[in-house]
């Protein structure tokens, strides 16, 4: 909390309100939002998918054609094989080399809004509004 508030205070200078552009230029704040969405995804299960052909294998199990597959994003984003201390809130994990990890669904270990054609249509709005809202709240209180 102290680090996020210090970053916001340093970026604002003498301004009383924070704008969307200000919030977008705060790397630690962006990391806090990503970490919060990693621990608490908007939809823990993605939209169901169907296997379109025989021979599909998911985690070592054969999935027959036509079967419905549910993707548990909550479990993926808390997988200890991918994340160090997966149940801890550590925004620092999204700084440095992981700073390029985004919400777009390219990184399969971080899918808070899904991926591909069935990705959440609210992603562009959430990507701009969530950091701005959080920065405004931290700055005001």
Protein backbone atom coordinates (compact mmCIF):
# COMPACT_ATOMS: atom_id res chain seq x y z
CA UNK A 1 0.00 0.00 0.00
CA UNK A 2 2.75 2.43 0.94
CA UNK A 3 4.69 1.78 -2.25
CA UNK A 4 1.62 2.28 -4.45
CA UNK A 5 0.66 5.49 -2.66
CA UNK A 6 4.24 6.81 -2.92
CA UNK A 7 4.29 6.07 -6.65
CA UNK A 8 0.98 7.89 -7.14
CA UNK A 9 2.09 10.87 -5.07
CA UNK A 10 5.36 11.13 -7.00
CA UNK A 11 3.62 10.97 -10.36
CA UNK A 12 0.97 13.55 -9.54
CA UNK A 13 3.23 16.32 -8.36
CA UNK A 14 0.87 19.11 -7.35
CA UNK A 15 -2.23 17.91 -9.18
CA UNK A 16 -5.35 17.20 -7.15
CA UNK A 17 -6.87 14.58 -9.44
CA UNK A 18 -5.38 11.69 -11.33
CA UNK A 19 -6.19 11.06 -14.99
CA UNK A 20 -6.31 7.83 -17.00
CA UNK A 21 -2.97 8.68 -18.63
CA UNK A 22 -1.39 9.19 -15.21
CA UNK A 23 -2.63 5.81 -13.99
CA UNK A 24 -1.40 4.07 -17.16
CA UNK A 25 2.14 5.35 -16.54
CA UNK A 26 2.47 3.88 -13.02
CA UNK A 27 4.25 0.49 -13.27
CA UNK A 28 3.75 -0.59 -9.66
CA UNK A 29 0.06 0.27 -9.77
CA UNK A 30 -0.28 -1.78 -12.97
CA UNK A 31 1.46 -4.67 -11.18
CA UNK A 32 -0.98 -4.38 -8.25
CA UNK A 33 -3.96 -4.60 -10.63
CA UNK A 34 -2.47 -7.63 -12.44
CA UNK A 35 -1.73 -9.40 -9.16
CA UNK A 36 -5.25 -8.74 -7.86
CA UNK A 37 -6.72 -10.17 -11.08
CA UNK A 38 -4.37 -13.16 -10.89
CA UNK A 39 -5.60 -14.03 -7.41
CA UNK A 40 -9.24 -13.12 -8.04
CA UNK A 41 -10.16 -13.52 -11.72
CA UNK A 42 -13.43 -12.00 -12.89
CA UNK A 43 -14.67 -15.37 -14.15
CA UNK A 44 -12.88 -18.37 -12.57
CA UNK A 45 -14.12 -20.69 -15.35
CA UNK A 46 -13.77 -19.69 -18.99
CA UNK A 47 -16.57 -20.08 -21.52
CA UNK A 48 -16.99 -23.83 -22.24
CA UNK A 49 -15.25 -25.21 -25.32
CA UNK A 50 -16.01 -28.33 -27.36
CA UNK A 51 -13.44 -30.75 -28.72
CA UNK A 52 -13.85 -30.48 -32.51
CA UNK A 53 -11.84 -33.54 -33.44
CA UNK A 54 -10.79 -36.92 -32.02
CA UNK A 55 -7.34 -37.34 -30.57
CA UNK A 56 -7.39 -34.17 -28.47
CA UNK A 57 -5.47 -34.57 -25.25
CA UNK A 58 -5.76 -32.28 -22.21
CA UNK A 59 -3.30 -32.83 -19.34
CA UNK A 60 -2.76 -36.43 -20.37
CA UNK A 61 -6.45 -37.31 -20.72
CA UNK A 62 -8.05 -38.12 -24.07
CA UNK A 63 -11.06 -35.94 -24.86
CA UNK A 64 -13.54 -37.49 -27.33
CA UNK A 65 -14.95 -35.39 -30.15
CA UNK A 66 -17.94 -33.30 -29.07
CA UNK A 67 -17.14 -33.28 -25.34
CA UNK A 68 -17.33 -30.02 -23.45
CA UNK A 69 -14.14 -28.76 -21.80
CA UNK A 70 -14.11 -26.22 -18.98
CA UNK A 71 -10.91 -24.24 -18.33
CA UNK A 72 -10.35 -23.42 -14.66
CA UNK A 73 -8.45 -20.12 -14.83
CA UNK A 74 -8.47 -19.76 -11.05
CA UNK A 75 -6.43 -22.97 -10.71
CA UNK A 76 -4.07 -22.05 -13.57
CA UNK A 77 -3.24 -18.68 -12.02
CA UNK A 78 -2.54 -20.33 -8.65
CA UNK A 79 -0.45 -23.19 -10.02
CA UNK A 80 2.73 -23.62 -7.91
CA UNK A 81 4.53 -25.04 -10.97
CA UNK A 82 4.17 -21.65 -12.67
CA UNK A 83 4.04 -19.11 -9.82
CA UNK A 84 6.30 -18.83 -6.76
CA UNK A 85 4.15 -18.63 -3.61
CA UNK A 86 0.94 -18.62 -5.68
CA UNK A 87 -1.41 -17.77 -2.80
CA UNK A 88 0.50 -14.67 -1.70
CA UNK A 89 -0.26 -11.15 -2.91
CA UNK A 90 3.07 -10.02 -4.39
CA UNK A 91 2.74 -7.36 -7.13
CA UNK A 92 6.52 -7.36 -7.54
CA UNK A 93 6.21 -10.54 -9.60
CA UNK A 94 4.81 -8.39 -12.46
CA UNK A 95 7.76 -6.00 -12.45
CA UNK A 96 11.05 -6.55 -14.25
CA UNK A 97 11.01 -9.36 -16.82
CA UNK A 98 7.31 -10.13 -16.18
CA UNK A 99 6.26 -6.50 -16.74
CA UNK A 100 5.37 -7.38 -20.34
CA UNK A 101 2.73 -9.90 -19.23
CA UNK A 102 -0.59 -8.37 -20.24
CA UNK A 103 -4.31 -9.13 -20.13
CA UNK A 104 -4.59 -9.99 -23.84
CA UNK A 105 -4.41 -13.78 -23.38
CA UNK A 106 -1.01 -14.45 -24.98
CA UNK A 107 0.45 -15.80 -21.74
CA UNK A 108 -1.47 -18.93 -20.81
CA UNK A 109 -0.41 -18.76 -17.16
CA UNK A 110 -2.22 -15.38 -16.82
CA UNK A 111 -5.72 -15.32 -18.34
CA UNK A 112 -7.99 -13.15 -16.17
CA UNK A 113 -10.13 -12.22 -19.20
CA UNK A 114 -9.80 -15.40 -21.23
CA UNK A 115 -8.09 -15.75 -24.58
CA UNK A 116 -8.78 -15.84 -28.28
CA UNK A 117 -12.18 -15.37 -29.90
CA UNK A 118 -14.00 -15.89 -26.62
CA UNK A 119 -12.05 -13.30 -24.70
CA UNK A 120 -14.08 -10.93 -22.53
CA UNK A 121 -15.33 -8.01 -24.65
CA UNK A 122 -14.93 -5.69 -21.64
CA UNK A 123 -11.14 -6.11 -21.56
CA UNK A 124 -10.23 -2.75 -23.18
CA UNK A 125 -12.47 -0.88 -20.77
CA UNK A 126 -11.29 -2.80 -17.69
CA UNK A 127 -7.66 -2.33 -18.70
CA UNK A 128 -8.11 1.45 -18.55
CA UNK A 129 -10.72 1.84 -15.80
CA UNK A 130 -9.37 -0.54 -13.11
CA UNK A 131 -5.96 1.17 -12.68
CA UNK A 132 -7.56 4.63 -12.87
CA UNK A 133 -10.18 3.73 -10.26
CA UNK A 134 -7.61 2.16 -7.93
CA UNK A 135 -5.24 5.13 -8.28
CA UNK A 136 -8.09 7.57 -7.60
CA UNK A 137 -9.13 5.68 -4.47
CA UNK A 138 -5.58 5.37 -3.13
CA UNK A 139 -4.94 9.06 -3.80
CA UNK A 140 -8.20 10.23 -2.20
CA UNK A 141 -8.06 8.16 0.99
